[in-house]
């Protein structure tokens, strides 16, 4: 895949005033939609010809814990558009607390979090006491009201004065690399996927998950151009398998091939396999027709801007289930 990753840092939105008018879920959806409209999936690492052979890695908060769900995709997208190589992100105040400073003129990236109503923190703070949500009869349900909020973070490469460990090491461009994994990788991935409690069958020229019969069908390992693509495809189909009613019972109301429910389920599997891959060292790649998928995703996002946030949340739950069964931390 050939792609320039030197896009302007101001290209994500048409103007600062446009950003202000958008709700938090509209802002992150606009960022992702902008890339999808150009045929770019930000959860696919597009610069294999110059980068180290690692799969995508999870972006990290200032405290070192990984971001989750929608924010993983948002920060992968920001890194793609701006060419960031560090995986560390800070708020302005967090940088100052480390006696560092965001460079003048740098634009931050937008991330979201659910807060209890009344919470004024930037996602990492302690929520304040919130009013309780009310049920249909007007009685308090005992659950606090939660709303989606957002805040701005900066990549370590936009900040001066951080300890060197937060910056990506300088790299010399290398020759195009192969994605063929070594035998140790293959053995490890085989061991991890063997723990998934879903029947795995081989044969034919299609990869799919049958919900009705609860099995995964894969072409023979030799049919794939390399081992990484085989295991990445299996991760995608395993994410689909998490939807079964005995597992996560995920249903977007699909009634026919290619409808909105189908598009959202495919998006969940794409994102979940990327999250899984970031944990176990797999590229997010498989053999389906992504151009058709992207058209469906863009239509779904246009009809409901919050659908990407929903898909990312469901994808995180699917990845959590797979990784828990694999016994991956």
C-alpha atoms as a PDB file:
ATOM      1  CA  UNK A   1       0.000   0.000   0.000  1.00  0.00           C
ATOM      2  CA  UNK A   2       1.459   3.320  -1.037  1.00  0.00           C
ATOM      3  CA  UNK A   3       0.448   6.346   0.991  1.00  0.00           C
ATOM      4  CA  UNK A   4       1.968   9.649   1.977  1.00  0.00           C
ATOM      5  CA  UNK A   5       1.798  10.240   5.719  1.00  0.00           C
ATOM      6  CA  UNK A   6       2.949  13.852   5.645  1.00  0.00           C
ATOM      7  CA  UNK A   7      -0.484  15.460   5.541  1.00  0.00           C
ATOM      8  CA  UNK A   8      -0.900  18.866   7.128  1.00  0.00           C
ATOM      9  CA  UNK A   9      -1.737  18.832  10.797  1.00  0.00           C
ATOM     10  CA  UNK A  10      -4.520  21.319   9.996  1.00  0.00           C
ATOM     11  CA  UNK A  11      -6.134  19.098   7.355  1.00  0.00           C
ATOM     12  CA  UNK A  12      -8.442  17.200   9.679  1.00  0.00           C
ATOM     13  CA  UNK A  13     -11.055  19.943   9.914  1.00  0.00           C
ATOM     14  CA  UNK A  14     -11.949  22.846   7.669  1.00  0.00           C
ATOM     15  CA  UNK A  15     -11.613  25.420  10.458  1.00  0.00           C
ATOM     16  CA  UNK A  16     -11.355  25.777  14.200  1.00  0.00           C
ATOM     17  CA  UNK A  17     -14.898  27.165  14.299  1.00  0.00           C
ATOM     18  CA  UNK A  18     -16.194  23.988  12.640  1.00  0.00           C
ATOM     19  CA  UNK A  19     -14.684  21.953  15.475  1.00  0.00           C
ATOM     20  CA  UNK A  20     -16.453  24.042  18.117  1.00  0.00           C
ATOM     21  CA  UNK A  21     -19.853  23.477  16.509  1.00  0.00           C
ATOM     22  CA  UNK A  22     -19.479  19.685  16.504  1.00  0.00           C
ATOM     23  CA  UNK A  23     -20.413  17.448  19.420  1.00  0.00           C
ATOM     24  CA  UNK A  24     -17.669  15.136  20.749  1.00  0.00           C
ATOM     25  CA  UNK A  25     -18.865  12.108  18.799  1.00  0.00           C
ATOM     26  CA  UNK A  26     -19.287  14.228  15.641  1.00  0.00           C
ATOM     27  CA  UNK A  27     -15.707  15.499  15.953  1.00  0.00           C
ATOM     28  CA  UNK A  28     -14.113  12.068  16.165  1.00  0.00           C
ATOM     29  CA  UNK A  29     -16.448  10.725  13.474  1.00  0.00           C
ATOM     30  CA  UNK A  30     -15.503  13.604  11.162  1.00  0.00           C
ATOM     31  CA  UNK A  31     -11.832  12.770  11.615  1.00  0.00           C
ATOM     32  CA  UNK A  32     -12.328   9.092  10.795  1.00  0.00           C
ATOM     33  CA  UNK A  33     -14.730   9.794   7.922  1.00  0.00           C
ATOM     34  CA  UNK A  34     -12.210  12.164   6.343  1.00  0.00           C
ATOM     35  CA  UNK A  35      -9.691   9.338   6.149  1.00  0.00           C
ATOM     36  CA  UNK A  36     -12.210   6.728   4.998  1.00  0.00           C
ATOM     37  CA  UNK A  37     -13.329   9.019   2.177  1.00  0.00           C
ATOM     38  CA  UNK A  38      -9.740   8.902   0.918  1.00  0.00           C
ATOM     39  CA  UNK A  39      -9.743   5.115   1.129  1.00  0.00           C
ATOM     40  CA  UNK A  40      -7.539   5.060   4.231  1.00  0.00           C
ATOM     41  CA  UNK A  41      -8.282   2.914   7.271  1.00  0.00           C
ATOM     42  CA  UNK A  42      -6.296   4.380  10.204  1.00  0.00           C
ATOM     43  CA  UNK A  43      -6.141   0.985  11.922  1.00  0.00           C
ATOM     44  CA  UNK A  44      -4.050  -0.387   9.026  1.00  0.00           C
ATOM     45  CA  UNK A  45      -0.370   0.521   9.264  1.00  0.00           C
ATOM     46  CA  UNK A  46       0.301   2.026   5.834  1.00  0.00           C
ATOM     47  CA  UNK A  47       4.030   2.696   5.971  1.00  0.00           C
ATOM     48  CA  UNK A  48       5.481  -0.829   6.072  1.00  0.00           C
ATOM     49  CA  UNK A  49       8.219   0.080   3.588  1.00  0.00           C
ATOM     50  CA  UNK A  50      10.042   2.381   6.026  1.00  0.00           C
ATOM     51  CA  UNK A  51       8.920   1.307   9.480  1.00  0.00           C
ATOM     52  CA  UNK A  52      10.041  -1.369  11.868  1.00  0.00           C
ATOM     53  CA  UNK A  53       8.291  -4.705  11.347  1.00  0.00           C
ATOM     54  CA  UNK A  54       6.085  -4.332  14.392  1.00  0.00           C
ATOM     55  CA  UNK A  55       2.308  -4.286  14.156  1.00  0.00           C
ATOM     56  CA  UNK A  56       0.465  -1.214  15.351  1.00  0.00           C
ATOM     57  CA  UNK A  57       0.951  -0.492  19.039  1.00  0.00           C
ATOM     58  CA  UNK A  58      -1.586   0.961  21.415  1.00  0.00           C
ATOM     59  CA  UNK A  59      -1.314   4.706  22.162  1.00  0.00           C
ATOM     60  CA  UNK A  60      -0.473   5.411  25.797  1.00  0.00           C
ATOM     61  CA  UNK A  61      -1.661   7.994  28.318  1.00  0.00           C
ATOM     62  CA  UNK A  62       0.856  10.058  30.261  1.00  0.00           C
ATOM     63  CA  UNK A  63       0.702   7.504  33.088  1.00  0.00           C
ATOM     64  CA  UNK A  64       1.564   4.664  30.698  1.00  0.00           C
ATOM     65  CA  UNK A  65      -1.830   2.949  30.512  1.00  0.00           C
ATOM     66  CA  UNK A  66      -3.196   2.278  26.998  1.00  0.00           C
ATOM     67  CA  UNK A  67      -6.139   4.168  25.584  1.00  0.00           C
ATOM     68  CA  UNK A  68      -9.196   2.087  24.723  1.00  0.00           C
ATOM     69  CA  UNK A  69     -11.931   1.910  22.112  1.00  0.00           C
ATOM     70  CA  UNK A  70     -12.650   5.019  20.056  1.00  0.00           C
ATOM     71  CA  UNK A  71      -9.579   6.841  21.354  1.00  0.00           C
ATOM     72  CA  UNK A  72      -7.229   4.182  19.992  1.00  0.00           C
ATOM     73  CA  UNK A  73      -8.581   4.793  16.495  1.00  0.00           C
ATOM     74  CA  UNK A  74      -8.627   8.575  16.915  1.00  0.00           C
ATOM     75  CA  UNK A  75      -4.978   8.663  17.991  1.00  0.00           C
ATOM     76  CA  UNK A  76      -3.882   6.169  15.332  1.00  0.00           C
ATOM     77  CA  UNK A  77      -5.576   8.498  12.829  1.00  0.00           C
ATOM     78  CA  UNK A  78      -3.828  11.552  14.275  1.00  0.00           C
ATOM     79  CA  UNK A  79      -0.472   9.764  14.138  1.00  0.00           C
ATOM     80  CA  UNK A  80      -1.114   8.740  10.541  1.00  0.00           C
ATOM     81  CA  UNK A  81      -2.001  12.234   9.382  1.00  0.00           C
ATOM     82  CA  UNK A  82       0.825  13.982  11.210  1.00  0.00           C
ATOM     83  CA  UNK A  83       3.499  11.305  10.961  1.00  0.00           C
ATOM     84  CA  UNK A  84       3.899  10.883  14.722  1.00  0.00           C
ATOM     85  CA  UNK A  85       5.986   7.883  15.759  1.00  0.00           C
ATOM     86  CA  UNK A  86       5.822   8.215  19.532  1.00  0.00           C
ATOM     87  CA  UNK A  87       2.968   6.336  21.205  1.00  0.00           C
ATOM     88  CA  UNK A  88       2.784   8.716  24.212  1.00  0.00           C
ATOM     89  CA  UNK A  89       0.134  11.441  24.592  1.00  0.00           C
ATOM     90  CA  UNK A  90      -0.251  14.241  27.166  1.00  0.00           C
ATOM     91  CA  UNK A  91      -2.665  17.014  28.026  1.00  0.00           C
ATOM     92  CA  UNK A  92      -1.166  20.505  28.216  1.00  0.00           C
ATOM     93  CA  UNK A  93      -1.255  20.373  32.018  1.00  0.00           C
ATOM     94  CA  UNK A  94       0.337  16.919  32.137  1.00  0.00           C
ATOM     95  CA  UNK A  95       3.229  18.181  30.039  1.00  0.00           C
ATOM     96  CA  UNK A  96       3.704  21.157  32.356  1.00  0.00           C
ATOM     97  CA  UNK A  97       3.640  18.854  35.377  1.00  0.00           C
ATOM     98  CA  UNK A  98       6.675  17.085  33.897  1.00  0.00           C
ATOM     99  CA  UNK A  99       8.413  20.458  33.416  1.00  0.00           C
ATOM    100  CA  UNK A 100       7.887  20.138  29.662  1.00  0.00           C
ATOM    101  CA  UNK A 101       6.044  22.438  27.271  1.00  0.00           C
ATOM    102  CA  UNK A 102       3.913  22.011  24.156  1.00  0.00           C
ATOM    103  CA  UNK A 103       5.600  23.839  21.294  1.00  0.00           C
ATOM    104  CA  UNK A 104       3.944  27.080  20.195  1.00  0.00           C
ATOM    105  CA  UNK A 105       1.554  26.608  17.293  1.00  0.00           C
ATOM    106  CA  UNK A 106       1.014  22.883  17.769  1.00  0.00           C
ATOM    107  CA  UNK A 107      -2.539  21.607  17.376  1.00  0.00           C
ATOM    108  CA  UNK A 108      -3.737  18.894  19.689  1.00  0.00           C
ATOM    109  CA  UNK A 109      -5.767  15.787  18.950  1.00  0.00           C
ATOM    110  CA  UNK A 110      -9.261  15.235  20.268  1.00  0.00           C
ATOM    111  CA  UNK A 111     -10.152  12.261  22.475  1.00  0.00           C
ATOM    112  CA  UNK A 112     -13.383  11.433  24.274  1.00  0.00           C
ATOM    113  CA  UNK A 113     -14.567   9.930  27.526  1.00  0.00           C
ATOM    114  CA  UNK A 114     -17.836   9.318  29.314  1.00  0.00           C
ATOM    115  CA  UNK A 115     -18.276  11.462  32.410  1.00  0.00           C
ATOM    116  CA  UNK A 116     -20.904  11.582  35.100  1.00  0.00           C
ATOM    117  CA  UNK A 117     -22.997  14.689  34.696  1.00  0.00           C
ATOM    118  CA  UNK A 118     -21.270  17.477  36.580  1.00  0.00           C
ATOM    119  CA  UNK A 119     -17.741  16.093  36.153  1.00  0.00           C
ATOM    120  CA  UNK A 120     -15.385  18.842  34.933  1.00  0.00           C
ATOM    121  CA  UNK A 121     -12.217  16.735  34.710  1.00  0.00           C
ATOM    122  CA  UNK A 122     -10.228  15.947  31.552  1.00  0.00           C
ATOM    123  CA  UNK A 123     -10.919  12.243  31.572  1.00  0.00           C
ATOM    124  CA  UNK A 124      -8.197  11.270  34.036  1.00  0.00           C
ATOM    125  CA  UNK A 125      -9.599  13.220  36.978  1.00  0.00           C
ATOM    126  CA  UNK A 126     -11.884  11.995  39.730  1.00  0.00           C
ATOM    127  CA  UNK A 127     -15.561  12.447  38.816  1.00  0.00           C
ATOM    128  CA  UNK A 128     -17.696  14.636  41.020  1.00  0.00           C
ATOM    129  CA  UNK A 129     -21.008  13.473  42.506  1.00  0.00           C
ATOM    130  CA  UNK A 130     -23.580  13.304  39.726  1.00  0.00           C
ATOM    131  CA  UNK A 131     -27.382  13.343  39.575  1.00  0.00           C
ATOM    132  CA  UNK A 132     -28.945   9.913  39.182  1.00  0.00           C
ATOM    133  CA  UNK A 133     -30.577   8.844  35.924  1.00  0.00           C
ATOM    134  CA  UNK A 134     -34.341   8.385  35.955  1.00  0.00           C
ATOM    135  CA  UNK A 135     -36.379   5.517  34.580  1.00  0.00           C
ATOM    136  CA  UNK A 136     -39.565   5.668  32.490  1.00  0.00           C
ATOM    137  CA  UNK A 137     -41.707   6.255  35.605  1.00  0.00           C
ATOM    138  CA  UNK A 138     -39.537   9.130  36.802  1.00  0.00           C
ATOM    139  CA  UNK A 139     -37.891   7.223  39.632  1.00  0.00           C
ATOM    140  CA  UNK A 140     -34.123   7.319  40.056  1.00  0.00           C
ATOM    141  CA  UNK A 141     -32.509   4.178  38.650  1.00  0.00           C
ATOM    142  CA  UNK A 142     -29.440   4.370  40.894  1.00  0.00           C
ATOM    143  CA  UNK A 143     -27.219   4.841  37.835  1.00  0.00           C
ATOM    144  CA  UNK A 144     -25.454   8.200  37.406  1.00  0.00           C
ATOM    145  CA  UNK A 145     -26.169  10.134  34.237  1.00  0.00           C
ATOM    146  CA  UNK A 146     -23.266   9.898  31.815  1.00  0.00           C
ATOM    147  CA  UNK A 147     -22.487  12.195  28.917  1.00  0.00           C
ATOM    148  CA  UNK A 148     -19.779  12.126  26.285  1.00  0.00           C
ATOM    149  CA  UNK A 149     -17.096  14.740  26.722  1.00  0.00           C
ATOM    150  CA  UNK A 150     -13.811  15.425  24.999  1.00  0.00           C
ATOM    151  CA  UNK A 151     -10.438  16.960  25.657  1.00  0.00           C
ATOM    152  CA  UNK A 152      -7.223  17.674  23.787  1.00  0.00           C
ATOM    153  CA  UNK A 153      -3.985  15.723  23.960  1.00  0.00           C
ATOM    154  CA  UNK A 154      -0.599  16.262  22.339  1.00  0.00           C
ATOM    155  CA  UNK A 155       1.823  13.677  21.062  1.00  0.00           C
ATOM    156  CA  UNK A 156       5.243  13.582  22.737  1.00  0.00           C
ATOM    157  CA  UNK A 157       6.740  14.794  19.443  1.00  0.00           C
ATOM    158  CA  UNK A 158       4.828  18.070  19.881  1.00  0.00           C
ATOM    159  CA  UNK A 159       6.314  18.625  23.335  1.00  0.00           C
ATOM    160  CA  UNK A 160       9.753  19.857  24.346  1.00  0.00           C
ATOM    161  CA  UNK A 161      11.515  18.831  27.527  1.00  0.00           C
ATOM    162  CA  UNK A 162      10.096  15.347  28.149  1.00  0.00           C
ATOM    163  CA  UNK A 163      12.403  12.519  29.233  1.00  0.00           C
ATOM    164  CA  UNK A 164      13.947  10.793  26.201  1.00  0.00           C
ATOM    165  CA  UNK A 165      12.014   7.592  26.890  1.00  0.00           C
ATOM    166  CA  UNK A 166       8.812   9.264  25.628  1.00  0.00           C
ATOM    167  CA  UNK A 167      10.242   9.965  22.180  1.00  0.00           C
ATOM    168  CA  UNK A 168      10.504   7.368  19.408  1.00  0.00           C
ATOM    169  CA  UNK A 169      14.112   6.438  18.542  1.00  0.00           C
ATOM    170  CA  UNK A 170      15.584   7.910  15.394  1.00  0.00           C
ATOM    171  CA  UNK A 171      15.428   5.425  12.555  1.00  0.00           C
ATOM    172  CA  UNK A 172      17.307   5.063   9.312  1.00  0.00           C
ATOM    173  CA  UNK A 173      15.081   4.066   6.367  1.00  0.00           C
ATOM    174  CA  UNK A 174      15.481   0.415   5.517  1.00  0.00           C
ATOM    175  CA  UNK A 175      14.788  -1.694   2.474  1.00  0.00           C
ATOM    176  CA  UNK A 176      11.234  -2.949   1.969  1.00  0.00           C
ATOM    177  CA  UNK A 177      10.594  -5.650   4.516  1.00  0.00           C
ATOM    178  CA  UNK A 178       8.837  -8.978   4.378  1.00  0.00           C
ATOM    179  CA  UNK A 179       5.822  -9.755   6.527  1.00  0.00           C
ATOM    180  CA  UNK A 180       6.707 -13.433   6.756  1.00  0.00           C
ATOM    181  CA  UNK A 181       6.781 -14.262  10.487  1.00  0.00           C
ATOM    182  CA  UNK A 182       9.355 -16.522  12.029  1.00  0.00           C
ATOM    183  CA  UNK A 183       8.521 -19.959  13.429  1.00  0.00           C
ATOM    184  CA  UNK A 184       8.468 -18.604  16.987  1.00  0.00           C
ATOM    185  CA  UNK A 185       5.755 -16.095  16.031  1.00  0.00           C
ATOM    186  CA  UNK A 186       3.735 -18.787  14.274  1.00  0.00           C
ATOM    187  CA  UNK A 187       3.972 -21.128  17.255  1.00  0.00           C
ATOM    188  CA  UNK A 188       2.884 -18.396  19.681  1.00  0.00           C
ATOM    189  CA  UNK A 189      -0.081 -17.292  17.569  1.00  0.00           C
ATOM    190  CA  UNK A 190      -1.165 -20.902  17.016  1.00  0.00           C
ATOM    191  CA  UNK A 191      -1.098 -21.478  20.766  1.00  0.00           C
ATOM    192  CA  UNK A 192      -3.150 -18.351  21.456  1.00  0.00           C
ATOM    193  CA  UNK A 193      -5.847 -19.050  18.866  1.00  0.00           C
ATOM    194  CA  UNK A 194      -6.079 -22.701  19.929  1.00  0.00           C
ATOM    195  CA  UNK A 195      -7.619 -21.437  23.191  1.00  0.00           C
ATOM    196  CA  UNK A 196     -10.620 -19.894  21.402  1.00  0.00           C
ATOM    197  CA  UNK A 197     -13.698 -22.095  22.113  1.00  0.00           C
ATOM    198  CA  UNK A 198     -15.003 -21.995  18.528  1.00  0.00           C
ATOM    199  CA  UNK A 199     -14.718 -24.813  15.982  1.00  0.00           C
ATOM    200  CA  UNK A 200     -12.146 -23.972  13.292  1.00  0.00           C
ATOM    201  CA  UNK A 201     -12.453 -25.581   9.860  1.00  0.00           C
ATOM    202  CA  UNK A 202     -10.119 -25.330   6.871  1.00  0.00           C
ATOM    203  CA  UNK A 203     -10.822 -25.564   3.158  1.00  0.00           C
ATOM    204  CA  UNK A 204     -12.331 -23.634   0.288  1.00  0.00           C
ATOM    205  CA  UNK A 205     -11.443 -20.111  -0.808  1.00  0.00           C
ATOM    206  CA  UNK A 206     -13.404 -18.032   1.708  1.00  0.00           C
ATOM    207  CA  UNK A 207     -12.886 -16.960   5.299  1.00  0.00           C
ATOM    208  CA  UNK A 208     -16.083 -16.471   7.291  1.00  0.00           C
ATOM    209  CA  UNK A 209     -17.838 -17.072  10.592  1.00  0.00           C
ATOM    210  CA  UNK A 210     -21.134 -18.971  10.622  1.00  0.00           C
ATOM    211  CA  UNK A 211     -23.242 -17.732  13.516  1.00  0.00           C
ATOM    212  CA  UNK A 212     -25.966 -20.324  12.927  1.00  0.00           C
ATOM    213  CA  UNK A 213     -23.556 -23.266  13.189  1.00  0.00           C
ATOM    214  CA  UNK A 214     -20.999 -21.437  15.355  1.00  0.00           C
ATOM    215  CA  UNK A 215     -17.817 -22.239  13.444  1.00  0.00           C
ATOM    216  CA  UNK A 216     -15.029 -20.350  11.683  1.00  0.00           C
ATOM    217  CA  UNK A 217     -14.121 -21.375   8.122  1.00  0.00           C
ATOM    218  CA  UNK A 218     -10.612 -20.542   6.862  1.00  0.00           C
ATOM    219  CA  UNK A 219      -8.764 -21.319   3.624  1.00  0.00           C
ATOM    220  CA  UNK A 220      -5.726 -23.535   4.098  1.00  0.00           C
ATOM    221  CA  UNK A 221      -2.712 -21.793   5.624  1.00  0.00           C
ATOM    222  CA  UNK A 222      -0.802 -22.311   2.342  1.00  0.00           C
ATOM    223  CA  UNK A 223      -3.413 -20.272   0.425  1.00  0.00           C
ATOM    224  CA  UNK A 224      -2.317 -17.052   2.136  1.00  0.00           C
ATOM    225  CA  UNK A 225       0.568 -14.983   0.840  1.00  0.00           C
ATOM    226  CA  UNK A 226       2.193 -15.072   4.275  1.00  0.00           C
ATOM    227  CA  UNK A 227       1.591 -16.256   7.817  1.00  0.00           C
ATOM    228  CA  UNK A 228       0.792 -12.817   9.159  1.00  0.00           C
ATOM    229  CA  UNK A 229      -2.181 -12.478   6.846  1.00  0.00           C
ATOM    230  CA  UNK A 230      -3.499 -15.901   7.838  1.00  0.00           C
ATOM    231  CA  UNK A 231      -3.454 -15.051  11.547  1.00  0.00           C
ATOM    232  CA  UNK A 232      -4.797 -11.522  10.969  1.00  0.00           C
ATOM    233  CA  UNK A 233      -7.696 -13.004   9.007  1.00  0.00           C
ATOM    234  CA  UNK A 234      -8.328 -15.515  11.783  1.00  0.00           C
ATOM    235  CA  UNK A 235      -8.344 -12.637  14.306  1.00  0.00           C
ATOM    236  CA  UNK A 236     -11.008 -10.897  12.208  1.00  0.00           C
ATOM    237  CA  UNK A 237     -13.219 -13.991  12.043  1.00  0.00           C
ATOM    238  CA  UNK A 238     -12.670 -14.682  15.752  1.00  0.00           C
ATOM    239  CA  UNK A 239     -13.918 -11.160  16.476  1.00  0.00           C
ATOM    240  CA  UNK A 240     -17.061 -12.033  14.518  1.00  0.00           C
ATOM    241  CA  UNK A 241     -17.441 -15.206  16.613  1.00  0.00           C
ATOM    242  CA  UNK A 242     -17.618 -13.095  19.780  1.00  0.00           C
ATOM    243  CA  UNK A 243     -21.073 -11.926  18.663  1.00  0.00           C
ATOM    244  CA  UNK A 244     -22.686 -15.322  19.347  1.00  0.00           C
ATOM    245  CA  UNK A 245     -25.524 -15.239  21.881  1.00  0.00           C
ATOM    246  CA  UNK A 246     -23.541 -17.470  24.247  1.00  0.00           C
ATOM    247  CA  UNK A 247     -20.722 -14.897  24.267  1.00  0.00           C
ATOM    248  CA  UNK A 248     -21.336 -11.153  23.814  1.00  0.00           C
ATOM    249  CA  UNK A 249     -24.731 -11.500  22.092  1.00  0.00           C
ATOM    250  CA  UNK A 250     -24.000  -8.628  19.685  1.00  0.00           C
ATOM    251  CA  UNK A 251     -26.685  -7.837  17.105  1.00  0.00           C
ATOM    252  CA  UNK A 252     -26.972  -4.756  14.882  1.00  0.00           C
ATOM    253  CA  UNK A 253     -30.212  -5.923  13.301  1.00  0.00           C
ATOM    254  CA  UNK A 254     -28.738  -7.213  10.046  1.00  0.00           C
ATOM    255  CA  UNK A 255     -31.473  -8.532   7.735  1.00  0.00           C
ATOM    256  CA  UNK A 256     -29.527  -8.913   4.485  1.00  0.00           C
ATOM    257  CA  UNK A 257     -26.001  -8.924   3.097  1.00  0.00           C
ATOM    258  CA  UNK A 258     -24.576  -5.416   2.810  1.00  0.00           C
ATOM    259  CA  UNK A 259     -27.166  -3.560   4.897  1.00  0.00           C
ATOM    260  CA  UNK A 260     -26.348  -1.146   7.728  1.00  0.00           C
ATOM    261  CA  UNK A 261     -26.258  -3.918  10.320  1.00  0.00           C
ATOM    262  CA  UNK A 262     -23.834  -5.906   8.178  1.00  0.00           C
ATOM    263  CA  UNK A 263     -21.603  -2.844   7.687  1.00  0.00           C
ATOM    264  CA  UNK A 264     -21.430  -2.141  11.420  1.00  0.00           C
ATOM    265  CA  UNK A 265     -20.643  -5.768  12.288  1.00  0.00           C
ATOM    266  CA  UNK A 266     -17.808  -5.760   9.737  1.00  0.00           C
ATOM    267  CA  UNK A 267     -16.517  -2.512  11.223  1.00  0.00           C
ATOM    268  CA  UNK A 268     -16.561  -4.054  14.708  1.00  0.00           C
ATOM    269  CA  UNK A 269     -14.575  -7.072  13.463  1.00  0.00           C
ATOM    270  CA  UNK A 270     -12.068  -4.809  11.671  1.00  0.00           C
ATOM    271  CA  UNK A 271     -11.462  -2.675  14.752  1.00  0.00           C
ATOM    272  CA  UNK A 272     -11.419  -5.612  17.162  1.00  0.00           C
ATOM    273  CA  UNK A 273      -8.855  -7.485  15.064  1.00  0.00           C
ATOM    274  CA  UNK A 274      -6.694  -4.334  15.049  1.00  0.00           C
ATOM    275  CA  UNK A 275      -6.931  -4.094  18.846  1.00  0.00           C
ATOM    276  CA  UNK A 276      -6.095  -7.808  19.168  1.00  0.00           C
ATOM    277  CA  UNK A 277      -3.198  -7.427  16.758  1.00  0.00           C
ATOM    278  CA  UNK A 278      -1.790  -4.503  18.740  1.00  0.00           C
ATOM    279  CA  UNK A 279      -1.636  -6.802  21.781  1.00  0.00           C
ATOM    280  CA  UNK A 280      -0.184  -9.925  20.141  1.00  0.00           C
ATOM    281  CA  UNK A 281       1.879  -8.423  17.324  1.00  0.00           C
ATOM    282  CA  UNK A 282      -0.318  -8.973  14.262  1.00  0.00           C
ATOM    283  CA  UNK A 283      -0.967  -6.579  11.383  1.00  0.00           C
ATOM    284  CA  UNK A 284      -4.614  -5.602  10.908  1.00  0.00           C
ATOM    285  CA  UNK A 285      -5.104  -7.063   7.455  1.00  0.00           C
ATOM    286  CA  UNK A 286      -7.231  -9.676   5.770  1.00  0.00           C
ATOM    287  CA  UNK A 287      -8.504 -10.608   2.330  1.00  0.00           C
ATOM    288  CA  UNK A 288     -11.934  -8.998   2.001  1.00  0.00           C
ATOM    289  CA  UNK A 289     -12.946  -6.184  -0.377  1.00  0.00           C
ATOM    290  CA  UNK A 290     -12.323  -3.145   1.785  1.00  0.00           C
ATOM    291  CA  UNK A 291     -13.529  -0.658  -0.840  1.00  0.00           C
ATOM    292  CA  UNK A 292     -17.047  -2.084  -0.527  1.00  0.00           C
ATOM    293  CA  UNK A 293     -16.767  -2.064   3.262  1.00  0.00           C
ATOM    294  CA  UNK A 294     -15.683   1.573   3.336  1.00  0.00           C
ATOM    295  CA  UNK A 295     -18.696   2.632   1.246  1.00  0.00           C
ATOM    296  CA  UNK A 296     -20.982   0.891   3.736  1.00  0.00           C
ATOM    297  CA  UNK A 297     -19.225   2.413   6.724  1.00  0.00           C
ATOM    298  CA  UNK A 298     -19.423   5.930   5.291  1.00  0.00           C
ATOM    299  CA  UNK A 299     -23.146   5.527   4.682  1.00  0.00           C
ATOM    300  CA  UNK A 300     -23.670   4.258   8.233  1.00  0.00           C
ATOM    301  CA  UNK A 301     -21.655   7.155   9.650  1.00  0.00           C
ATOM    302  CA  UNK A 302     -23.575   9.637   7.528  1.00  0.00           C
ATOM    303  CA  UNK A 303     -26.894   8.256   8.746  1.00  0.00           C
ATOM    304  CA  UNK A 304     -25.803   8.188  12.402  1.00  0.00           C
ATOM    305  CA  UNK A 305     -22.609  10.012  13.464  1.00  0.00           C
ATOM    306  CA  UNK A 306     -22.531   8.135  16.782  1.00  0.00           C
ATOM    307  CA  UNK A 307     -22.365   4.728  15.069  1.00  0.00           C
ATOM    308  CA  UNK A 308     -18.557   4.725  14.916  1.00  0.00           C
ATOM    309  CA  UNK A 309     -18.399   5.350  18.641  1.00  0.00           C
ATOM    310  CA  UNK A 310     -20.788   2.428  19.155  1.00  0.00           C
ATOM    311  CA  UNK A 311     -18.760   0.185  16.852  1.00  0.00           C
ATOM    312  CA  UNK A 312     -15.504   1.082  18.611  1.00  0.00           C
ATOM    313  CA  UNK A 313     -17.038   0.294  22.008  1.00  0.00           C
ATOM    314  CA  UNK A 314     -18.357  -3.059  20.772  1.00  0.00           C
ATOM    315  CA  UNK A 315     -14.989  -3.778  19.153  1.00  0.00           C
ATOM    316  CA  UNK A 316     -13.188  -3.126  22.434  1.00  0.00           C
ATOM    317  CA  UNK A 317     -15.559  -5.546  24.175  1.00  0.00           C
ATOM    318  CA  UNK A 318     -14.917  -8.157  21.455  1.00  0.00           C
ATOM    319  CA  UNK A 319     -11.144  -7.713  21.753  1.00  0.00           C
ATOM    320  CA  UNK A 320     -11.381  -7.940  25.549  1.00  0.00           C
ATOM    321  CA  UNK A 321     -13.250 -11.246  25.244  1.00  0.00           C
ATOM    322  CA  UNK A 322     -10.733 -12.714  22.777  1.00  0.00           C
ATOM    323  CA  UNK A 323      -7.698 -11.575  24.780  1.00  0.00           C
ATOM    324  CA  UNK A 324      -9.203 -12.876  28.039  1.00  0.00           C
ATOM    325  CA  UNK A 325      -9.739 -16.309  26.481  1.00  0.00           C
ATOM    326  CA  UNK A 326      -6.206 -16.198  25.097  1.00  0.00           C
ATOM    327  CA  UNK A 327      -5.020 -15.206  28.573  1.00  0.00           C
ATOM    328  CA  UNK A 328      -3.217 -12.164  27.177  1.00  0.00           C
ATOM    329  CA  UNK A 329      -2.776  -9.255  29.604  1.00  0.00           C
END
